[in-house]
Amino acid sequence: SQATSSGLMNVGIQTSTPVVYGVLNVNTEQQALDRATGPDNHGISWAQTAVEMALLRSSALGMNKKSSMGFSDAAKLGGGGEKKEGGSFGF
């Protein structure tokens, strides 16, 4: 466990990328299921933490400009899939 934590910390330091590491410490399989599913799903909170860390990092580095890739590109397409004037895909 310490080797894993140390390795992930080194990855974060060397790449300047936030790293989230979540481990469920459980005594029974039912505890694992309870913590990994439903409204108390710890995976969801770990994912939210990763996104928040990435957004904070981007903001701190002045990289909070809207990307030209992603779901917003669909709004730049006409009904037949052609690119509308003024849109860009960034591919």
C-alpha atoms as a PDB file:
ATOM      1  CA  SER A   1       0.000   0.000   0.000  1.00  0.00           C
ATOM      2  CA  GLN A   2       2.811   2.436   0.857  1.00  0.00           C
ATOM      3  CA  ALA A   3       4.650   1.541  -2.347  1.00  0.00           C
ATOM      4  CA  THR A   4       1.515   2.251  -4.370  1.00  0.00           C
ATOM      5  CA  SER A   5       0.920   5.576  -2.617  1.00  0.00           C
ATOM      6  CA  SER A   6       4.551   6.550  -3.094  1.00  0.00           C
ATOM      7  CA  GLY A   7       4.464   5.597  -6.769  1.00  0.00           C
ATOM      8  CA  LEU A   8       1.303   7.595  -7.413  1.00  0.00           C
ATOM      9  CA  MET A   9       2.740  10.572  -5.555  1.00  0.00           C
ATOM     10  CA  ASN A  10       5.829  10.404  -7.783  1.00  0.00           C
ATOM     11  CA  VAL A  11       3.640  10.282 -10.895  1.00  0.00           C
ATOM     12  CA  GLY A  12       1.826  13.409  -9.720  1.00  0.00           C
ATOM     13  CA  ILE A  13       5.076  15.222  -8.995  1.00  0.00           C
ATOM     14  CA  GLN A  14       6.864  14.207 -12.205  1.00  0.00           C
ATOM     15  CA  THR A  15       3.930  14.947 -14.510  1.00  0.00           C
ATOM     16  CA  SER A  16       2.400  17.887 -12.601  1.00  0.00           C
ATOM     17  CA  THR A  17      -0.883  16.016 -12.911  1.00  0.00           C
ATOM     18  CA  PRO A  18      -3.291  15.604 -10.002  1.00  0.00           C
ATOM     19  CA  VAL A  19      -3.652  11.941  -9.035  1.00  0.00           C
ATOM     20  CA  VAL A  20      -6.551  10.557  -6.990  1.00  0.00           C
ATOM     21  CA  TYR A  21      -6.110   7.227  -5.234  1.00  0.00           C
ATOM     22  CA  GLY A  22      -9.107   5.583  -3.602  1.00  0.00           C
ATOM     23  CA  VAL A  23      -9.103   2.327  -1.660  1.00  0.00           C
ATOM     24  CA  LEU A  24     -12.029   0.688   0.077  1.00  0.00           C
ATOM     25  CA  ASN A  25     -10.971  -0.881   3.362  1.00  0.00           C
ATOM     26  CA  VAL A  26     -13.685  -3.380   4.159  1.00  0.00           C
ATOM     27  CA  ASN A  27     -14.226  -6.417   6.361  1.00  0.00           C
ATOM     28  CA  THR A  28     -16.933  -8.079   4.286  1.00  0.00           C
ATOM     29  CA  GLU A  29     -18.056  -8.334   0.697  1.00  0.00           C
ATOM     30  CA  GLN A  30     -21.328  -6.645   1.675  1.00  0.00           C
ATOM     31  CA  GLN A  31     -19.427  -3.619   2.986  1.00  0.00           C
ATOM     32  CA  ALA A  32     -17.604  -3.408  -0.353  1.00  0.00           C
ATOM     33  CA  LEU A  33     -20.872  -3.575  -2.289  1.00  0.00           C
ATOM     34  CA  ASP A  34     -22.483  -0.954  -0.043  1.00  0.00           C
ATOM     35  CA  ARG A  35     -19.574   1.458  -0.516  1.00  0.00           C
ATOM     36  CA  ALA A  36     -19.169   0.855  -4.242  1.00  0.00           C
ATOM     37  CA  THR A  37     -22.820   1.094  -5.321  1.00  0.00           C
ATOM     38  CA  GLY A  38     -25.899   3.164  -4.647  1.00  0.00           C
ATOM     39  CA  PRO A  39     -26.084   6.608  -3.084  1.00  0.00           C
ATOM     40  CA  ASP A  40     -22.962   6.062  -0.928  1.00  0.00           C
ATOM     41  CA  ASN A  41     -20.738   5.150  -3.902  1.00  0.00           C
ATOM     42  CA  HIS A  42     -17.217   6.250  -3.001  1.00  0.00           C
ATOM     43  CA  GLY A  43     -16.098   5.949  -6.626  1.00  0.00           C
ATOM     44  CA  ILE A  44     -18.350   8.854  -7.541  1.00  0.00           C
ATOM     45  CA  SER A  45     -16.793  11.093  -4.902  1.00  0.00           C
ATOM     46  CA  TRP A  46     -13.292  10.102  -6.043  1.00  0.00           C
ATOM     47  CA  ALA A  47     -14.199  10.938  -9.648  1.00  0.00           C
ATOM     48  CA  GLN A  48     -15.651  14.290  -8.575  1.00  0.00           C
ATOM     49  CA  THR A  49     -12.452  15.023  -6.651  1.00  0.00           C
ATOM     50  CA  ALA A  50     -10.352  14.248  -9.745  1.00  0.00           C
ATOM     51  CA  VAL A  51     -12.444  16.583 -11.916  1.00  0.00           C
ATOM     52  CA  GLU A  52     -12.334  19.352  -9.305  1.00  0.00           C
ATOM     53  CA  MET A  53      -8.551  18.999  -8.999  1.00  0.00           C
ATOM     54  CA  ALA A  54      -8.153  19.192 -12.778  1.00  0.00           C
ATOM     55  CA  LEU A  55     -10.359  22.276 -12.979  1.00  0.00           C
ATOM     56  CA  LEU A  56      -8.506  23.980 -10.126  1.00  0.00           C
ATOM     57  CA  ARG A  57      -5.166  23.181 -11.772  1.00  0.00           C
ATOM     58  CA  SER A  58      -6.369  24.558 -15.107  1.00  0.00           C
ATOM     59  CA  SER A  59      -7.665  27.686 -13.431  1.00  0.00           C
ATOM     60  CA  ALA A  60      -4.447  28.206 -11.460  1.00  0.00           C
ATOM     61  CA  LEU A  61      -2.385  27.848 -14.641  1.00  0.00           C
ATOM     62  CA  GLY A  62      -4.670  30.194 -16.588  1.00  0.00           C
ATOM     63  CA  MET A  63      -5.866  27.371 -18.828  1.00  0.00           C
ATOM     64  CA  ASN A  64      -9.580  27.788 -18.181  1.00  0.00           C
ATOM     65  CA  LYS A  65     -10.451  28.646 -21.776  1.00  0.00           C
ATOM     66  CA  LYS A  66     -13.259  26.666 -23.342  1.00  0.00           C
ATOM     67  CA  SER A  67     -11.978  23.791 -25.452  1.00  0.00           C
ATOM     68  CA  SER A  68     -13.112  23.442 -29.042  1.00  0.00           C
ATOM     69  CA  MET A  69     -13.492  19.671 -28.568  1.00  0.00           C
ATOM     70  CA  GLY A  70     -16.235  17.778 -26.777  1.00  0.00           C
ATOM     71  CA  PHE A  71     -19.999  17.742 -26.688  1.00  0.00           C
ATOM     72  CA  SER A  72     -20.264  21.435 -27.512  1.00  0.00           C
ATOM     73  CA  ASP A  73     -19.071  20.645 -31.039  1.00  0.00           C
ATOM     74  CA  ALA A  74     -22.460  19.068 -31.809  1.00  0.00           C
ATOM     75  CA  ALA A  75     -24.028  22.529 -31.620  1.00  0.00           C
ATOM     76  CA  LYS A  76     -21.690  23.656 -34.417  1.00  0.00           C
ATOM     77  CA  LEU A  77     -23.112  21.142 -36.887  1.00  0.00           C
ATOM     78  CA  GLY A  78     -25.976  21.747 -39.264  1.00  0.00           C
ATOM     79  CA  GLY A  79     -28.853  19.289 -39.649  1.00  0.00           C
ATOM     80  CA  GLY A  80     -26.965  17.291 -42.292  1.00  0.00           C
ATOM     81  CA  GLY A  81     -23.757  17.108 -40.228  1.00  0.00           C
ATOM     82  CA  GLU A  82     -22.046  19.937 -42.117  1.00  0.00           C
ATOM     83  CA  LYS A  83     -19.956  22.423 -40.169  1.00  0.00           C
ATOM     84  CA  LYS A  84     -21.729  25.714 -39.477  1.00  0.00           C
ATOM     85  CA  GLU A  85     -19.983  29.002 -40.155  1.00  0.00           C
ATOM     86  CA  GLY A  86     -17.682  30.088 -37.343  1.00  0.00           C
ATOM     87  CA  GLY A  87     -17.311  26.665 -35.702  1.00  0.00           C
ATOM     88  CA  SER A  88     -14.137  24.663 -35.302  1.00  0.00           C
ATOM     89  CA  PHE A  89     -13.448  21.111 -34.307  1.00  0.00           C
ATOM     90  CA  GLY A  90      -9.808  21.302 -33.180  1.00  0.00           C
ATOM     91  CA  PHE A  91      -8.940  17.840 -34.586  1.00  0.00           C
END
